[in-house]
């Protein structure tokens, strides 16, 4: 059995500006309080097939969350499969809400190891993860507001 966690935040920036930051997978540790670092496993750092490890920490618990990008919709969404100890599927997306407004949506379906004990842990940590991820989206907004994102590469 898995848990589903979903958070969203409306941002006072156009979707293309927000996407510029979201597409930089190696920047995610700058706004995700639970991510200490992102390490790529191979030459791809964006797009379908990119493989990486997110070194995460919540309180005293530290993990190496292995992921592979399974879908990349330029300007819209990134989907990953969690393929390590924690299994599941996640999606981070941005949608247009007007010329200077967008919504970021983060959805994860996660299964924790250890059978029934893992299910208990998952349900206990779900509210904490929801709280942390809402804060992450607030920090993402602060980074975009400060203009600390990089312009996308020229096509």
Protein backbone atom coordinates (compact mmCIF):
# COMPACT_ATOMS: atom_id res chain seq x y z
CA UNK A 1 0.00 0.00 0.00
CA UNK A 2 1.21 3.50 -0.75
CA UNK A 3 0.40 7.01 0.38
CA UNK A 4 -0.38 9.97 -1.84
CA UNK A 5 0.83 13.42 -0.89
CA UNK A 6 -0.11 16.45 -2.96
CA UNK A 7 0.66 20.11 -2.39
CA UNK A 8 0.17 23.13 -4.63
CA UNK A 9 0.96 26.82 -4.55
CA UNK A 10 -0.10 29.73 -6.70
CA UNK A 11 2.87 31.95 -7.59
CA UNK A 12 2.91 35.56 -8.81
CA UNK A 13 5.09 34.70 -11.83
CA UNK A 14 4.41 33.42 -15.30
CA UNK A 15 4.69 29.66 -15.80
CA UNK A 16 7.74 30.07 -18.08
CA UNK A 17 9.67 31.88 -15.32
CA UNK A 18 8.82 29.19 -12.75
CA UNK A 19 9.67 26.42 -15.22
CA UNK A 20 13.11 27.96 -15.71
CA UNK A 21 13.87 27.05 -12.08
CA UNK A 22 11.99 23.74 -11.95
CA UNK A 23 13.84 22.32 -14.97
CA UNK A 24 17.18 22.75 -13.17
CA UNK A 25 17.08 19.48 -11.23
CA UNK A 26 20.41 20.21 -9.55
CA UNK A 27 18.89 23.42 -8.09
CA UNK A 28 16.13 21.59 -6.25
CA UNK A 29 18.27 21.17 -3.14
CA UNK A 30 18.35 24.99 -2.85
CA UNK A 31 14.62 25.19 -2.19
CA UNK A 32 13.80 21.72 -0.85
CA UNK A 33 14.49 21.74 2.88
CA UNK A 34 14.50 17.94 2.94
CA UNK A 35 17.06 17.63 0.11
CA UNK A 36 20.71 18.07 1.04
CA UNK A 37 22.09 17.41 -2.45
CA UNK A 38 21.30 16.06 -5.90
CA UNK A 39 23.84 13.69 -7.50
CA UNK A 40 23.40 12.64 -11.12
CA UNK A 41 24.02 9.05 -12.14
CA UNK A 42 25.15 9.51 -15.73
CA UNK A 43 25.58 12.30 -18.25
CA UNK A 44 21.92 13.39 -18.46
CA UNK A 45 20.94 16.20 -16.08
CA UNK A 46 17.53 16.91 -17.62
CA UNK A 47 14.92 15.18 -19.74
CA UNK A 48 13.59 11.66 -19.88
CA UNK A 49 16.09 9.08 -18.75
CA UNK A 50 18.02 11.37 -16.39
CA UNK A 51 18.94 9.38 -13.27
CA UNK A 52 19.82 10.95 -9.96
CA UNK A 53 20.00 10.48 -6.22
CA UNK A 54 18.41 13.00 -3.90
CA UNK A 55 20.16 12.88 -0.55
CA UNK A 56 17.31 13.69 1.79
CA UNK A 57 17.02 14.31 5.49
CA UNK A 58 14.05 14.87 7.74
CA UNK A 59 15.15 15.20 11.33
CA UNK A 60 17.54 12.36 12.13
CA UNK A 61 16.42 10.23 9.16
CA UNK A 62 18.69 10.44 6.11
CA UNK A 63 18.13 8.55 2.86
CA UNK A 64 19.46 8.31 -0.68
CA UNK A 65 16.31 8.55 -2.79
CA UNK A 66 17.12 7.10 -6.24
CA UNK A 67 15.01 8.45 -9.09
CA UNK A 68 14.73 8.30 -12.85
CA UNK A 69 12.91 10.89 -14.97
CA UNK A 70 10.16 9.02 -16.81
CA UNK A 71 8.43 11.94 -18.47
CA UNK A 72 9.55 15.48 -19.32
CA UNK A 73 7.04 17.89 -20.81
CA UNK A 74 9.12 20.99 -21.52
CA UNK A 75 7.57 24.01 -19.86
CA UNK A 76 5.03 21.94 -17.97
CA UNK A 77 5.96 18.85 -15.98
CA UNK A 78 8.60 16.45 -14.77
CA UNK A 79 7.67 12.93 -13.69
CA UNK A 80 9.98 10.58 -11.82
CA UNK A 81 9.93 7.03 -10.57
CA UNK A 82 11.45 6.42 -7.16
CA UNK A 83 13.51 3.25 -7.64
CA UNK A 84 15.41 2.93 -4.37
CA UNK A 85 14.40 1.88 -0.89
CA UNK A 86 11.32 4.10 -1.12
CA UNK A 87 9.32 3.26 -4.26
CA UNK A 88 6.76 5.29 -6.09
CA UNK A 89 6.01 7.97 -8.63
CA UNK A 90 6.18 11.75 -8.44
CA UNK A 91 5.19 14.68 -10.57
CA UNK A 92 6.19 18.32 -10.34
CA UNK A 93 4.25 20.58 -12.69
CA UNK A 94 3.58 24.21 -13.42
CA UNK A 95 0.42 25.51 -15.08
CA UNK A 96 -0.50 28.88 -16.52
CA UNK A 97 -2.98 30.96 -14.52
CA UNK A 98 -2.43 34.24 -16.33
CA UNK A 99 0.44 36.29 -17.74
CA UNK A 100 1.94 36.83 -14.29
CA UNK A 101 0.53 33.92 -12.32
CA UNK A 102 1.08 30.19 -12.28
CA UNK A 103 0.43 27.21 -10.07
CA UNK A 104 3.04 24.66 -9.03
CA UNK A 105 1.68 21.23 -8.15
CA UNK A 106 3.73 18.48 -6.50
CA UNK A 107 2.26 15.01 -6.21
CA UNK A 108 3.96 11.90 -4.87
CA UNK A 109 2.70 8.36 -4.48
CA UNK A 110 5.17 6.59 -2.20
CA UNK A 111 5.55 3.09 -0.77
CA UNK A 112 7.88 2.60 2.16
CA UNK A 113 9.79 -0.63 2.83
CA UNK A 114 9.17 -3.08 5.69
CA UNK A 115 5.66 -4.23 4.79
CA UNK A 116 3.01 -3.40 7.38
CA UNK A 117 5.52 -1.49 9.52
CA UNK A 118 6.41 0.65 6.50
CA UNK A 119 2.73 1.43 5.95
CA UNK A 120 2.42 2.64 9.54
CA UNK A 121 5.53 4.80 9.13
CA UNK A 122 4.20 6.20 5.84
CA UNK A 123 0.92 7.28 7.39
CA UNK A 124 2.72 8.80 10.38
CA UNK A 125 5.16 10.83 8.25
CA UNK A 126 2.65 11.92 5.57
CA UNK A 127 1.49 15.04 7.49
CA UNK A 128 5.12 16.00 8.15
CA UNK A 129 6.04 15.57 4.48
CA UNK A 130 3.02 17.65 3.43
CA UNK A 131 4.13 20.43 5.79
CA UNK A 132 7.76 20.29 4.59
CA UNK A 133 6.76 20.28 0.92
CA UNK A 134 4.44 23.28 1.38
CA UNK A 135 7.45 25.09 2.84
CA UNK A 136 9.52 23.92 -0.14
CA UNK A 137 7.09 25.56 -2.55
CA UNK A 138 7.22 28.75 -0.49
CA UNK A 139 11.05 28.70 -0.76
CA UNK A 140 10.77 28.07 -4.50
CA UNK A 141 8.67 31.24 -4.75
CA UNK A 142 11.31 33.17 -2.79
CA UNK A 143 14.10 31.97 -5.09
CA UNK A 144 12.15 32.91 -8.21
CA UNK A 145 11.26 36.30 -6.67
CA UNK A 146 14.92 36.98 -5.94
CA UNK A 147 15.78 36.19 -9.55
CA UNK A 148 18.16 33.42 -8.51
CA UNK A 149 17.12 31.18 -11.35
CA UNK A 150 19.11 30.72 -14.54
CA UNK A 151 17.83 31.58 -17.97
CA UNK A 152 17.06 28.48 -20.06
CA UNK A 153 19.68 27.45 -22.60
CA UNK A 154 19.29 28.98 -26.05
CA UNK A 155 17.55 26.72 -28.53
